[in-house]
Amino acid sequence: MSKALGVIMLDTAFERPVGDVGNAESWPFPVLFETVKGATARTIVDGRDDDLLDAFVAAGQELHRRGACALTTSCGFLILRQRKLAGRLALPLATSSLLQIPQVAKLLPAGKSVGVVTYDRLSLTTAHFAEAGMTLEPPVVGLPRDGAFHGLIEGGRPYDRQALERELLQAVEGLIEREPSIGAIVLECTNLPPFSAVIRKRFELPVFDILTLGCWLHAGTS
């Protein structure tokens, strides 16, 4: 039997359909989940999680004890903690789908770039991209703070798949119109992969997310 990938989860309560990082059926192999109490979405997105570092380490250690072969997380903004957390954990750790950007960029034809879709554009800084190995900031679009995704994740609204899909497709369309050179999309937010296939089909572009990263990580460690 294949070993399990461990997922360090934020402390959230919204619905997680198939495709979301926190749904076991999203993965083609076993997964284990461990929640960090007090790690709300806004706390992590705003980078106010220094006092939670030990709790994230403890969650990773517990997943190791439970038999995980490698670790990932449920929020792309944790890229800021990649080196600190990886340095304290015994298992390989990939905190964020943003880690894929340099590799994806190398796969594209000349003149093509990687576009990034993030949960919160105002909070995603050059420091995040530097931690992902980028010297230049790629084209980025964020989801509206008064929109469906923010309402779901932070506002307690019910899961409305049609509204979420519409909002995400509009964001990607706007990004491509602004940056016609985009040759691939990386989704920062771990709640966006349920719509990766729709984006691929609509815009005929490769899409990379936390699931593509986690599958790569698991293939090399299991």
N, C-alpha and C. Protein backbone atom coordinates (compact mmCIF):
# COMPACT_ATOMS: atom_id res chain seq x y z
N MET A 1 0.84 -1.20 0.00
CA MET A 1 0.00 0.00 0.00
C MET A 1 0.87 1.25 0.00
N SER A 2 0.49 2.25 -0.78
CA SER A 2 1.24 3.49 -0.87
C SER A 2 1.24 4.22 0.47
N LYS A 3 2.36 4.85 0.79
CA LYS A 3 2.43 5.65 2.00
C LYS A 3 1.59 6.92 1.84
N ALA A 4 1.29 7.55 2.96
CA ALA A 4 0.41 8.71 2.95
C ALA A 4 1.18 10.02 2.89
N LEU A 5 0.59 10.99 2.23
CA LEU A 5 1.08 12.37 2.26
C LEU A 5 0.43 13.06 3.45
N GLY A 6 1.21 13.78 4.22
CA GLY A 6 0.66 14.51 5.36
C GLY A 6 0.34 15.94 4.96
N VAL A 7 -0.85 16.41 5.37
CA VAL A 7 -1.28 17.78 5.06
C VAL A 7 -1.50 18.54 6.36
N ILE A 8 -0.71 19.58 6.57
CA ILE A 8 -0.87 20.44 7.74
C ILE A 8 -1.97 21.44 7.43
N MET A 9 -3.08 21.36 8.16
CA MET A 9 -4.27 22.12 7.85
C MET A 9 -4.41 23.37 8.73
N LEU A 10 -4.96 24.44 8.12
CA LEU A 10 -5.35 25.59 8.91
C LEU A 10 -6.62 25.27 9.70
N ASP A 11 -6.92 26.12 10.66
CA ASP A 11 -8.08 25.94 11.53
C ASP A 11 -9.29 26.62 10.90
N THR A 12 -9.97 25.90 10.00
CA THR A 12 -11.11 26.46 9.26
C THR A 12 -12.29 25.50 9.32
N ALA A 13 -13.45 25.99 8.86
CA ALA A 13 -14.65 25.16 8.96
C ALA A 13 -15.48 25.15 7.68
N PHE A 14 -15.02 25.77 6.59
CA PHE A 14 -15.82 25.84 5.38
C PHE A 14 -15.80 24.51 4.63
N GLU A 15 -16.75 24.35 3.72
CA GLU A 15 -16.89 23.11 2.95
C GLU A 15 -15.69 22.91 2.02
N ARG A 16 -15.25 21.66 1.93
CA ARG A 16 -14.11 21.32 1.08
C ARG A 16 -14.52 20.18 0.13
N PRO A 17 -14.96 20.52 -1.08
CA PRO A 17 -15.38 19.50 -2.04
C PRO A 17 -14.18 18.77 -2.62
N VAL A 18 -14.46 17.75 -3.42
CA VAL A 18 -13.39 17.04 -4.11
C VAL A 18 -12.61 18.03 -4.98
N GLY A 19 -11.31 17.96 -4.88
CA GLY A 19 -10.43 18.91 -5.55
C GLY A 19 -9.76 19.83 -4.56
N ASP A 20 -10.40 20.10 -3.45
CA ASP A 20 -9.81 20.92 -2.38
C ASP A 20 -8.73 20.11 -1.67
N VAL A 21 -7.68 20.80 -1.22
CA VAL A 21 -6.57 20.13 -0.55
C VAL A 21 -7.03 19.34 0.68
N GLY A 22 -8.09 19.80 1.33
CA GLY A 22 -8.53 19.18 2.57
C GLY A 22 -9.55 18.06 2.42
N ASN A 23 -9.80 17.63 1.19
CA ASN A 23 -10.70 16.51 0.94
C ASN A 23 -9.86 15.30 0.53
N ALA A 24 -9.95 14.23 1.29
CA ALA A 24 -9.12 13.05 1.03
C ALA A 24 -9.34 12.48 -0.37
N GLU A 25 -10.56 12.66 -0.91
CA GLU A 25 -10.87 12.12 -2.23
C GLU A 25 -10.23 12.93 -3.35
N SER A 26 -9.61 14.06 -3.03
CA SER A 26 -8.91 14.85 -4.04
C SER A 26 -7.62 14.18 -4.48
N TRP A 27 -7.12 13.27 -3.66
CA TRP A 27 -5.79 12.71 -3.86
C TRP A 27 -5.86 11.26 -4.36
N PRO A 28 -4.95 10.85 -5.25
CA PRO A 28 -4.96 9.48 -5.77
C PRO A 28 -4.17 8.51 -4.90
N PHE A 29 -3.90 8.91 -3.66
CA PHE A 29 -3.17 8.08 -2.71
C PHE A 29 -3.64 8.47 -1.30
N PRO A 30 -3.26 7.71 -0.28
CA PRO A 30 -3.71 8.05 1.08
C PRO A 30 -3.14 9.38 1.55
N VAL A 31 -3.93 10.10 2.33
CA VAL A 31 -3.48 11.35 2.94
C VAL A 31 -3.85 11.36 4.41
N LEU A 32 -3.06 12.10 5.18
CA LEU A 32 -3.32 12.30 6.60
C LEU A 32 -3.42 13.79 6.86
N PHE A 33 -4.35 14.19 7.73
CA PHE A 33 -4.54 15.60 8.03
C PHE A 33 -4.26 15.88 9.50
N GLU A 34 -3.67 17.04 9.76
CA GLU A 34 -3.44 17.49 11.13
C GLU A 34 -3.67 19.00 11.17
N THR A 35 -4.59 19.44 12.03
CA THR A 35 -4.97 20.85 12.10
C THR A 35 -4.15 21.60 13.14
N VAL A 36 -3.74 22.82 12.78
CA VAL A 36 -3.05 23.71 13.70
C VAL A 36 -4.08 24.64 14.32
N LYS A 37 -4.41 24.43 15.56
CA LYS A 37 -5.42 25.23 16.23
C LYS A 37 -5.01 26.70 16.29
N GLY A 38 -5.96 27.57 15.95
CA GLY A 38 -5.70 29.00 15.98
C GLY A 38 -5.12 29.55 14.70
N ALA A 39 -4.80 28.69 13.75
CA ALA A 39 -4.23 29.14 12.48
C ALA A 39 -5.36 29.47 11.51
N THR A 40 -5.96 30.64 11.69
CA THR A 40 -7.04 31.05 10.82
C THR A 40 -6.49 31.50 9.46
N ALA A 41 -7.35 31.54 8.48
CA ALA A 41 -6.92 31.94 7.14
C ALA A 41 -6.34 33.35 7.16
N ARG A 42 -7.00 34.29 7.82
CA ARG A 42 -6.53 35.67 7.82
C ARG A 42 -5.20 35.81 8.55
N THR A 43 -5.03 35.06 9.63
CA THR A 43 -3.76 35.11 10.37
C THR A 43 -2.60 34.72 9.46
N ILE A 44 -2.78 33.66 8.68
CA ILE A 44 -1.70 33.18 7.82
C ILE A 44 -1.52 34.09 6.62
N VAL A 45 -2.61 34.51 6.00
CA VAL A 45 -2.51 35.38 4.83
C VAL A 45 -1.81 36.69 5.18
N ASP A 46 -2.09 37.21 6.36
CA ASP A 46 -1.47 38.47 6.79
C ASP A 46 -0.05 38.28 7.34
N GLY A 47 0.40 37.03 7.46
CA GLY A 47 1.74 36.77 7.95
C GLY A 47 1.90 37.01 9.44
N ARG A 48 0.80 36.92 10.20
CA ARG A 48 0.85 37.15 11.65
C ARG A 48 0.90 35.83 12.41
N ASP A 49 1.74 34.91 11.93
CA ASP A 49 1.74 33.55 12.48
C ASP A 49 3.05 33.16 13.13
N ASP A 50 3.88 34.13 13.50
CA ASP A 50 5.16 33.79 14.14
C ASP A 50 4.97 32.95 15.39
N ASP A 51 3.93 33.27 16.18
CA ASP A 51 3.73 32.55 17.42
C ASP A 51 3.13 31.16 17.20
N LEU A 52 2.81 30.82 15.95
CA LEU A 52 2.26 29.50 15.62
C LEU A 52 3.30 28.57 15.02
N LEU A 53 4.53 29.05 14.88
CA LEU A 53 5.55 28.24 14.22
C LEU A 53 5.76 26.91 14.93
N ASP A 54 5.85 26.93 16.26
CA ASP A 54 6.04 25.69 17.01
C ASP A 54 4.86 24.74 16.80
N ALA A 55 3.65 25.30 16.70
CA ALA A 55 2.46 24.47 16.49
C ALA A 55 2.48 23.81 15.11
N PHE A 56 2.97 24.52 14.11
CA PHE A 56 3.10 23.94 12.77
C PHE A 56 4.14 22.82 12.79
N VAL A 57 5.24 23.04 13.50
CA VAL A 57 6.26 21.99 13.62
C VAL A 57 5.68 20.77 14.31
N ALA A 58 4.93 21.00 15.39
CA ALA A 58 4.32 19.89 16.12
C ALA A 58 3.35 19.11 15.24
N ALA A 59 2.59 19.81 14.40
CA ALA A 59 1.67 19.14 13.49
C ALA A 59 2.43 18.28 12.49
N GLY A 60 3.53 18.81 11.97
CA GLY A 60 4.35 18.03 11.04
C GLY A 60 4.95 16.81 11.70
N GLN A 61 5.39 16.96 12.94
CA GLN A 61 5.96 15.84 13.68
C GLN A 61 4.90 14.78 13.96
N GLU A 62 3.68 15.21 14.25
CA GLU A 62 2.61 14.26 14.50
C GLU A 62 2.25 13.49 13.22
N LEU A 63 2.24 14.16 12.09
CA LEU A 63 1.99 13.47 10.83
C LEU A 63 3.09 12.47 10.52
N HIS A 64 4.32 12.82 10.85
CA HIS A 64 5.44 11.90 10.69
C HIS A 64 5.22 10.66 11.56
N ARG A 65 4.84 10.90 12.80
CA ARG A 65 4.59 9.79 13.73
C ARG A 65 3.48 8.88 13.21
N ARG A 66 2.49 9.47 12.55
CA ARG A 66 1.35 8.70 12.04
C ARG A 66 1.67 7.98 10.72
N GLY A 67 2.84 8.22 10.16
CA GLY A 67 3.26 7.45 9.00
C GLY A 67 3.35 8.20 7.69
N ALA A 68 3.26 9.53 7.71
CA ALA A 68 3.38 10.30 6.47
C ALA A 68 4.79 10.18 5.89
N CYS A 69 4.88 10.23 4.56
CA CYS A 69 6.18 10.14 3.90
C CYS A 69 6.71 11.51 3.52
N ALA A 70 5.83 12.52 3.48
CA ALA A 70 6.20 13.90 3.14
C ALA A 70 5.06 14.79 3.59
N LEU A 71 5.30 16.11 3.54
CA LEU A 71 4.33 17.05 4.08
C LEU A 71 4.04 18.19 3.12
N THR A 72 2.79 18.66 3.15
CA THR A 72 2.42 19.90 2.50
C THR A 72 1.45 20.63 3.42
N THR A 73 0.89 21.76 2.96
CA THR A 73 0.01 22.54 3.82
C THR A 73 -1.26 22.92 3.07
N SER A 74 -2.16 23.57 3.78
CA SER A 74 -3.43 23.97 3.17
C SER A 74 -3.51 25.46 2.89
N CYS A 75 -2.36 26.15 2.83
CA CYS A 75 -2.37 27.57 2.47
C CYS A 75 -1.08 27.96 1.78
N GLY A 76 -1.21 28.51 0.57
CA GLY A 76 -0.03 28.89 -0.19
C GLY A 76 0.78 30.00 0.42
N PHE A 77 0.17 30.81 1.30
CA PHE A 77 0.91 31.90 1.95
C PHE A 77 1.94 31.39 2.95
N LEU A 78 1.89 30.12 3.28
CA LEU A 78 2.89 29.55 4.18
C LEU A 78 4.25 29.39 3.51
N ILE A 79 4.36 29.79 2.25
CA ILE A 79 5.66 29.83 1.59
C ILE A 79 6.66 30.65 2.41
N LEU A 80 6.16 31.65 3.15
CA LEU A 80 7.04 32.47 3.98
C LEU A 80 7.72 31.65 5.08
N ARG A 81 7.15 30.50 5.40
CA ARG A 81 7.70 29.66 6.47
C ARG A 81 8.40 28.42 5.92
N GLN A 82 8.61 28.37 4.60
CA GLN A 82 9.18 27.17 3.99
C GLN A 82 10.51 26.78 4.63
N ARG A 83 11.46 27.69 4.66
CA ARG A 83 12.79 27.33 5.15
C ARG A 83 12.78 27.07 6.66
N LYS A 84 12.04 27.87 7.40
CA LYS A 84 12.00 27.68 8.86
C LYS A 84 11.39 26.34 9.23
N LEU A 85 10.28 26.00 8.57
CA LEU A 85 9.61 24.75 8.90
C LEU A 85 10.39 23.55 8.37
N ALA A 86 10.86 23.62 7.13
CA ALA A 86 11.61 22.50 6.56
C ALA A 86 12.86 22.22 7.37
N GLY A 87 13.45 23.27 7.91
CA GLY A 87 14.67 23.10 8.69
C GLY A 87 14.46 22.41 10.01
N ARG A 88 13.22 22.36 10.47
CA ARG A 88 12.93 21.76 11.78
C ARG A 88 12.19 20.43 11.68
N LEU A 89 11.83 20.02 10.47
CA LEU A 89 11.07 18.78 10.29
C LEU A 89 11.93 17.73 9.61
N ALA A 90 11.68 16.47 9.95
CA ALA A 90 12.49 15.37 9.42
C ALA A 90 12.01 14.91 8.05
N LEU A 91 10.77 15.26 7.68
CA LEU A 91 10.23 14.85 6.38
C LEU A 91 10.35 15.98 5.37
N PRO A 92 10.44 15.67 4.08
CA PRO A 92 10.39 16.71 3.05
C PRO A 92 9.09 17.49 3.15
N LEU A 93 9.18 18.80 3.02
CA LEU A 93 8.02 19.68 3.16
C LEU A 93 7.92 20.62 1.97
N ALA A 94 6.75 20.69 1.37
CA ALA A 94 6.46 21.67 0.31
C ALA A 94 5.27 22.49 0.79
N THR A 95 5.53 23.71 1.25
CA THR A 95 4.47 24.49 1.88
C THR A 95 3.46 25.06 0.90
N SER A 96 3.86 25.33 -0.35
CA SER A 96 3.03 26.15 -1.22
C SER A 96 3.18 25.77 -2.68
N SER A 97 2.09 25.88 -3.42
CA SER A 97 2.13 25.65 -4.86
C SER A 97 3.02 26.65 -5.57
N LEU A 98 3.31 27.78 -4.92
CA LEU A 98 4.18 28.79 -5.52
C LEU A 98 5.59 28.25 -5.77
N LEU A 99 5.98 27.20 -5.07
CA LEU A 99 7.28 26.59 -5.28
C LEU A 99 7.46 26.07 -6.70
N GLN A 100 6.36 25.87 -7.40
CA GLN A 100 6.42 25.33 -8.76
C GLN A 100 6.76 26.38 -9.81
N ILE A 101 6.64 27.66 -9.47
CA ILE A 101 6.76 28.71 -10.49
C ILE A 101 8.08 28.65 -11.24
N PRO A 102 9.24 28.57 -10.56
CA PRO A 102 10.50 28.56 -11.33
C PRO A 102 10.60 27.38 -12.30
N GLN A 103 10.13 26.22 -11.87
CA GLN A 103 10.19 25.04 -12.74
C GLN A 103 9.24 25.18 -13.93
N VAL A 104 8.02 25.65 -13.66
CA VAL A 104 7.05 25.82 -14.74
C VAL A 104 7.56 26.84 -15.75
N ALA A 105 8.16 27.92 -15.27
CA ALA A 105 8.68 28.96 -16.16
C ALA A 105 9.71 28.39 -17.13
N LYS A 106 10.50 27.44 -16.67
CA LYS A 106 11.53 26.85 -17.52
C LYS A 106 10.96 25.92 -18.59
N LEU A 107 9.72 25.52 -18.43
CA LEU A 107 9.09 24.61 -19.38
C LEU A 107 8.45 25.32 -20.56
N LEU A 108 8.27 26.63 -20.45
CA LEU A 108 7.47 27.37 -21.42
C LEU A 108 8.29 27.84 -22.62
N PRO A 109 7.63 28.05 -23.74
CA PRO A 109 8.32 28.58 -24.93
C PRO A 109 8.87 29.98 -24.66
N ALA A 110 9.80 30.40 -25.48
CA ALA A 110 10.38 31.74 -25.34
C ALA A 110 9.28 32.80 -25.42
N GLY A 111 9.37 33.76 -24.53
CA GLY A 111 8.40 34.85 -24.52
C GLY A 111 7.16 34.58 -23.71
N LYS A 112 7.01 33.36 -23.18
CA LYS A 112 5.85 33.02 -22.37
C LYS A 112 6.19 33.12 -20.88
N SER A 113 5.19 33.46 -20.07
CA SER A 113 5.40 33.64 -18.63
C SER A 113 4.36 32.87 -17.83
N VAL A 114 4.62 32.76 -16.54
CA VAL A 114 3.70 32.10 -15.62
C VAL A 114 2.82 33.15 -14.97
N GLY A 115 1.52 32.93 -14.99
CA GLY A 115 0.58 33.81 -14.30
C GLY A 115 0.13 33.17 -13.00
N VAL A 116 -0.05 33.97 -11.97
CA VAL A 116 -0.41 33.47 -10.64
C VAL A 116 -1.78 34.00 -10.23
N VAL A 117 -2.62 33.11 -9.74
CA VAL A 117 -3.90 33.50 -9.15
C VAL A 117 -3.79 33.29 -7.65
N THR A 118 -4.04 34.36 -6.88
CA THR A 118 -3.91 34.29 -5.44
C THR A 118 -5.21 34.66 -4.74
N TYR A 119 -5.36 34.17 -3.55
CA TYR A 119 -6.53 34.50 -2.73
C TYR A 119 -6.56 35.98 -2.40
N ASP A 120 -5.41 36.57 -2.11
CA ASP A 120 -5.37 37.96 -1.65
C ASP A 120 -4.16 38.66 -2.26
N ARG A 121 -4.39 39.48 -3.27
CA ARG A 121 -3.28 40.14 -3.97
C ARG A 121 -2.53 41.12 -3.09
N LEU A 122 -3.24 41.84 -2.22
CA LEU A 122 -2.59 42.84 -1.38
C LEU A 122 -1.62 42.21 -0.39
N SER A 123 -1.86 40.97 -0.03
CA SER A 123 -1.03 40.30 0.97
C SER A 123 0.11 39.50 0.36
N LEU A 124 0.07 39.26 -0.94
CA LEU A 124 1.10 38.48 -1.60
C LEU A 124 2.21 39.43 -2.06
N THR A 125 3.38 39.31 -1.45
CA THR A 125 4.45 40.28 -1.64
C THR A 125 5.65 39.68 -2.35
N THR A 126 6.62 40.55 -2.62
CA THR A 126 7.86 40.07 -3.24
C THR A 126 8.58 39.09 -2.33
N ALA A 127 8.37 39.20 -1.01
CA ALA A 127 9.00 38.27 -0.08
C ALA A 127 8.49 36.85 -0.30
N HIS A 128 7.21 36.71 -0.60
CA HIS A 128 6.65 35.38 -0.87
C HIS A 128 7.31 34.77 -2.11
N PHE A 129 7.45 35.57 -3.15
CA PHE A 129 8.04 35.06 -4.38
C PHE A 129 9.53 34.77 -4.21
N ALA A 130 10.19 35.58 -3.41
CA ALA A 130 11.61 35.32 -3.13
C ALA A 130 11.78 33.98 -2.44
N GLU A 131 10.90 33.66 -1.50
CA GLU A 131 10.97 32.37 -0.80
C GLU A 131 10.70 31.21 -1.76
N ALA A 132 9.96 31.49 -2.83
CA ALA A 132 9.67 30.46 -3.83
C ALA A 132 10.78 30.34 -4.86
N GLY A 133 11.81 31.19 -4.74
CA GLY A 133 12.94 31.11 -5.64
C GLY A 133 12.87 32.04 -6.84
N MET A 134 12.00 33.04 -6.75
CA MET A 134 11.83 33.98 -7.85
C MET A 134 12.60 35.27 -7.58
N THR A 135 13.32 35.75 -8.58
CA THR A 135 14.00 37.04 -8.45
C THR A 135 13.13 38.18 -8.95
N LEU A 136 12.18 37.86 -9.84
CA LEU A 136 11.23 38.85 -10.34
C LEU A 136 9.81 38.39 -10.03
N GLU A 137 8.94 39.33 -9.75
CA GLU A 137 7.55 38.99 -9.45
C GLU A 137 6.79 38.69 -10.74
N PRO A 138 6.09 37.56 -10.82
CA PRO A 138 5.35 37.23 -12.03
C PRO A 138 4.04 38.01 -12.10
N PRO A 139 3.34 37.96 -13.22
CA PRO A 139 2.00 38.55 -13.29
C PRO A 139 1.06 37.87 -12.30
N VAL A 140 0.32 38.67 -11.56
CA VAL A 140 -0.54 38.13 -10.50
C VAL A 140 -1.92 38.77 -10.56
N VAL A 141 -2.93 37.97 -10.26
CA VAL A 141 -4.27 38.51 -10.05
C VAL A 141 -4.81 37.93 -8.75
N GLY A 142 -5.52 38.77 -8.00
CA GLY A 142 -6.12 38.32 -6.75
C GLY A 142 -7.63 38.23 -6.86
N LEU A 143 -8.21 37.44 -6.00
CA LEU A 143 -9.67 37.34 -5.95
C LEU A 143 -10.23 38.50 -5.13
N PRO A 144 -11.38 39.04 -5.51
CA PRO A 144 -11.92 40.23 -4.84
C PRO A 144 -12.24 39.97 -3.37
N ARG A 145 -11.87 40.93 -2.52
CA ARG A 145 -12.08 40.77 -1.08
C ARG A 145 -13.56 40.75 -0.71
N ASP A 146 -14.40 41.29 -1.58
CA ASP A 146 -15.85 41.26 -1.32
C ASP A 146 -16.54 40.19 -2.15
N GLY A 147 -15.75 39.24 -2.65
CA GLY A 147 -16.30 38.23 -3.55
C GLY A 147 -16.66 36.92 -2.89
N ALA A 148 -16.92 35.92 -3.75
CA ALA A 148 -17.44 34.63 -3.30
C ALA A 148 -16.42 33.83 -2.49
N PHE A 149 -15.16 33.82 -2.93
CA PHE A 149 -14.16 33.02 -2.22
C PHE A 149 -13.89 33.59 -0.83
N HIS A 150 -13.74 34.89 -0.73
CA HIS A 150 -13.52 35.50 0.59
C HIS A 150 -14.75 35.31 1.47
N GLY A 151 -15.92 35.37 0.87
CA GLY A 151 -17.14 35.14 1.64
C GLY A 151 -17.22 33.73 2.18
N LEU A 152 -16.76 32.77 1.39
CA LEU A 152 -16.74 31.37 1.84
C LEU A 152 -15.70 31.15 2.93
N ILE A 153 -14.47 31.57 2.68
CA ILE A 153 -13.35 31.22 3.54
C ILE A 153 -13.32 32.03 4.83
N GLU A 154 -13.71 33.30 4.74
CA GLU A 154 -13.65 34.15 5.93
C GLU A 154 -15.00 34.69 6.38
N GLY A 155 -16.01 34.61 5.50
CA GLY A 155 -17.29 35.23 5.83
C GLY A 155 -18.39 34.28 6.24
N GLY A 156 -18.08 32.98 6.24
CA GLY A 156 -19.09 32.01 6.67
C GLY A 156 -20.21 31.77 5.67
N ARG A 157 -20.04 32.18 4.44
CA ARG A 157 -21.08 31.94 3.43
C ARG A 157 -21.07 30.48 2.98
N PRO A 158 -22.22 29.97 2.53
CA PRO A 158 -22.27 28.59 2.03
C PRO A 158 -21.51 28.45 0.72
N TYR A 159 -21.15 27.21 0.40
CA TYR A 159 -20.40 26.92 -0.82
C TYR A 159 -21.31 27.08 -2.02
N ASP A 160 -21.00 28.00 -2.90
CA ASP A 160 -21.76 28.26 -4.12
C ASP A 160 -20.82 28.03 -5.30
N ARG A 161 -20.83 26.83 -5.81
CA ARG A 161 -19.85 26.46 -6.84
C ARG A 161 -19.94 27.34 -8.08
N GLN A 162 -21.15 27.65 -8.50
CA GLN A 162 -21.30 28.47 -9.70
C GLN A 162 -20.71 29.86 -9.50
N ALA A 163 -20.98 30.47 -8.36
CA ALA A 163 -20.45 31.80 -8.08
C ALA A 163 -18.93 31.77 -7.97
N LEU A 164 -18.40 30.74 -7.33
CA LEU A 164 -16.95 30.61 -7.18
C LEU A 164 -16.28 30.42 -8.53
N GLU A 165 -16.85 29.55 -9.35
CA GLU A 165 -16.28 29.31 -10.68
C GLU A 165 -16.32 30.56 -11.53
N ARG A 166 -17.43 31.27 -11.50
CA ARG A 166 -17.57 32.49 -12.28
C ARG A 166 -16.54 33.54 -11.85
N GLU A 167 -16.39 33.70 -10.56
CA GLU A 167 -15.42 34.68 -10.05
C GLU A 167 -13.99 34.32 -10.45
N LEU A 168 -13.64 33.06 -10.35
CA LEU A 168 -12.28 32.63 -10.68
C LEU A 168 -12.00 32.77 -12.17
N LEU A 169 -12.94 32.38 -13.01
CA LEU A 169 -12.75 32.50 -14.45
C LEU A 169 -12.62 33.96 -14.88
N GLN A 170 -13.39 34.83 -14.24
CA GLN A 170 -13.27 36.26 -14.54
C GLN A 170 -11.89 36.79 -14.16
N ALA A 171 -11.37 36.31 -13.03
CA ALA A 171 -10.04 36.74 -12.60
C ALA A 171 -8.98 36.29 -13.58
N VAL A 172 -9.04 35.03 -14.00
CA VAL A 172 -8.06 34.50 -14.94
C VAL A 172 -8.16 35.22 -16.28
N GLU A 173 -9.38 35.45 -16.73
CA GLU A 173 -9.58 36.14 -18.00
C GLU A 173 -8.97 37.55 -17.96
N GLY A 174 -9.18 38.25 -16.85
CA GLY A 174 -8.62 39.58 -16.72
C GLY A 174 -7.10 39.55 -16.70
N LEU A 175 -6.53 38.55 -16.06
CA LEU A 175 -5.08 38.42 -16.01
C LEU A 175 -4.50 38.19 -17.40
N ILE A 176 -5.13 37.32 -18.16
CA ILE A 176 -4.63 37.00 -19.50
C ILE A 176 -4.80 38.19 -20.44
N GLU A 177 -5.90 38.92 -20.29
CA GLU A 177 -6.08 40.12 -21.12
C GLU A 177 -5.00 41.15 -20.82
N ARG A 178 -4.62 41.25 -19.55
CA ARG A 178 -3.59 42.21 -19.15
C ARG A 178 -2.21 41.74 -19.55
N GLU A 179 -1.99 40.41 -19.51
CA GLU A 179 -0.68 39.83 -19.80
C GLU A 179 -0.84 38.72 -20.84
N PRO A 180 -0.96 39.07 -22.11
CA PRO A 180 -1.19 38.06 -23.16
C PRO A 180 -0.08 37.03 -23.30
N SER A 181 1.08 37.30 -22.71
CA SER A 181 2.20 36.37 -22.83
C SER A 181 2.09 35.16 -21.91
N ILE A 182 1.08 35.13 -21.07
CA ILE A 182 0.98 34.04 -20.09
C ILE A 182 0.82 32.70 -20.80
N GLY A 183 1.68 31.75 -20.41
CA GLY A 183 1.66 30.43 -21.01
C GLY A 183 1.28 29.32 -20.06
N ALA A 184 1.10 29.64 -18.78
CA ALA A 184 0.69 28.66 -17.77
C ALA A 184 0.18 29.43 -16.55
N ILE A 185 -0.64 28.75 -15.76
CA ILE A 185 -1.22 29.34 -14.56
C ILE A 185 -0.81 28.52 -13.34
N VAL A 186 -0.42 29.22 -12.27
CA VAL A 186 -0.21 28.58 -10.98
C VAL A 186 -1.23 29.15 -10.00
N LEU A 187 -1.98 28.28 -9.35
CA LEU A 187 -2.98 28.69 -8.38
C LEU A 187 -2.37 28.66 -6.98
N GLU A 188 -2.23 29.82 -6.37
CA GLU A 188 -1.66 29.88 -5.01
C GLU A 188 -2.58 29.23 -3.99
N CYS A 189 -3.87 29.55 -4.07
CA CYS A 189 -4.82 29.13 -3.04
C CYS A 189 -5.16 27.65 -3.17
N THR A 190 -5.12 26.94 -2.06
CA THR A 190 -5.35 25.50 -2.07
C THR A 190 -6.83 25.13 -2.18
N ASN A 191 -7.70 26.14 -2.19
CA ASN A 191 -9.13 25.89 -2.37
C ASN A 191 -9.57 26.07 -3.82
N LEU A 192 -8.62 26.38 -4.71
CA LEU A 192 -8.95 26.61 -6.11
C LEU A 192 -8.86 25.39 -7.01
N PRO A 193 -8.13 24.31 -6.65
CA PRO A 193 -8.00 23.17 -7.57
C PRO A 193 -9.30 22.51 -8.04
N PRO A 194 -10.44 22.63 -7.31
CA PRO A 194 -11.67 22.08 -7.89
C PRO A 194 -12.02 22.69 -9.25
N PHE A 195 -11.39 23.83 -9.57
CA PHE A 195 -11.68 24.52 -10.81
C PHE A 195 -10.51 24.49 -11.80
N SER A 196 -9.46 23.76 -11.48
CA SER A 196 -8.29 23.72 -12.37
C SER A 196 -8.65 23.19 -13.75
N ALA A 197 -9.45 22.14 -13.81
CA ALA A 197 -9.81 21.55 -15.11
C ALA A 197 -10.62 22.53 -15.95
N VAL A 198 -11.49 23.29 -15.30
CA VAL A 198 -12.30 24.28 -16.01
C VAL A 198 -11.41 25.36 -16.61
N ILE A 199 -10.41 25.80 -15.85
CA ILE A 199 -9.49 26.82 -16.33
C ILE A 199 -8.69 26.28 -17.52
N ARG A 200 -8.19 25.05 -17.39
CA ARG A 200 -7.44 24.44 -18.49
C ARG A 200 -8.27 24.41 -19.79
N LYS A 201 -9.52 24.00 -19.64
CA LYS A 201 -10.38 23.87 -20.81
C LYS A 201 -10.73 25.22 -21.40
N ARG A 202 -11.08 26.19 -20.56
CA ARG A 202 -11.52 27.49 -21.05
C ARG A 202 -10.40 28.26 -21.73
N PHE A 203 -9.21 28.24 -21.14
CA PHE A 203 -8.13 29.08 -21.65
C PHE A 203 -7.03 28.30 -22.37
N GLU A 204 -7.17 26.97 -22.42
CA GLU A 204 -6.22 26.10 -23.10
C GLU A 204 -4.79 26.36 -22.63
N LEU A 205 -4.64 26.39 -21.31
CA LEU A 205 -3.34 26.61 -20.68
C LEU A 205 -3.09 25.53 -19.63
N PRO A 206 -1.84 25.17 -19.41
CA PRO A 206 -1.52 24.28 -18.29
C PRO A 206 -1.82 24.99 -16.97
N VAL A 207 -2.32 24.24 -16.01
CA VAL A 207 -2.63 24.79 -14.69
C VAL A 207 -1.95 23.93 -13.63
N PHE A 208 -1.23 24.57 -12.73
CA PHE A 208 -0.54 23.90 -11.64
C PHE A 208 -1.08 24.42 -10.32
N ASP A 209 -1.23 23.50 -9.36
CA ASP A 209 -1.84 23.86 -8.08
C ASP A 209 -1.24 23.01 -6.97
N ILE A 210 -1.86 23.03 -5.81
CA ILE A 210 -1.33 22.27 -4.68
C ILE A 210 -1.41 20.77 -4.92
N LEU A 211 -2.36 20.33 -5.74
CA LEU A 211 -2.47 18.90 -6.03
C LEU A 211 -1.35 18.43 -6.95
N THR A 212 -1.00 19.23 -7.96
CA THR A 212 0.11 18.83 -8.82
C THR A 212 1.41 18.81 -8.01
N LEU A 213 1.56 19.76 -7.10
CA LEU A 213 2.75 19.78 -6.25
C LEU A 213 2.78 18.58 -5.32
N GLY A 214 1.65 18.31 -4.67
CA GLY A 214 1.58 17.20 -3.73
C GLY A 214 1.79 15.85 -4.40
N CYS A 215 1.27 15.69 -5.60
CA CYS A 215 1.46 14.42 -6.33
C CYS A 215 2.93 14.23 -6.71
N TRP A 216 3.57 15.30 -7.12
CA TRP A 216 5.01 15.24 -7.43
C TRP A 216 5.81 14.87 -6.18
N LEU A 217 5.49 15.52 -5.08
CA LEU A 217 6.20 15.27 -3.83
C LEU A 217 6.01 13.82 -3.37
N HIS A 218 4.78 13.35 -3.44
CA HIS A 218 4.47 11.99 -3.02
C HIS A 218 5.17 10.96 -3.90
N ALA A 219 5.22 11.23 -5.22
CA ALA A 219 5.86 10.29 -6.14
C ALA A 219 7.33 10.09 -5.80
N GLY A 220 7.97 11.11 -5.29
CA GLY A 220 9.40 11.00 -4.98
C GLY A 220 9.70 10.52 -3.59
N THR A 221 8.69 10.38 -2.75
CA THR A 221 8.94 10.04 -1.34
C THR A 221 8.23 8.79 -0.87
N SER A 222 7.27 8.31 -1.65
CA SER A 222 6.48 7.18 -1.19
C SER A 222 7.09 5.85 -1.58
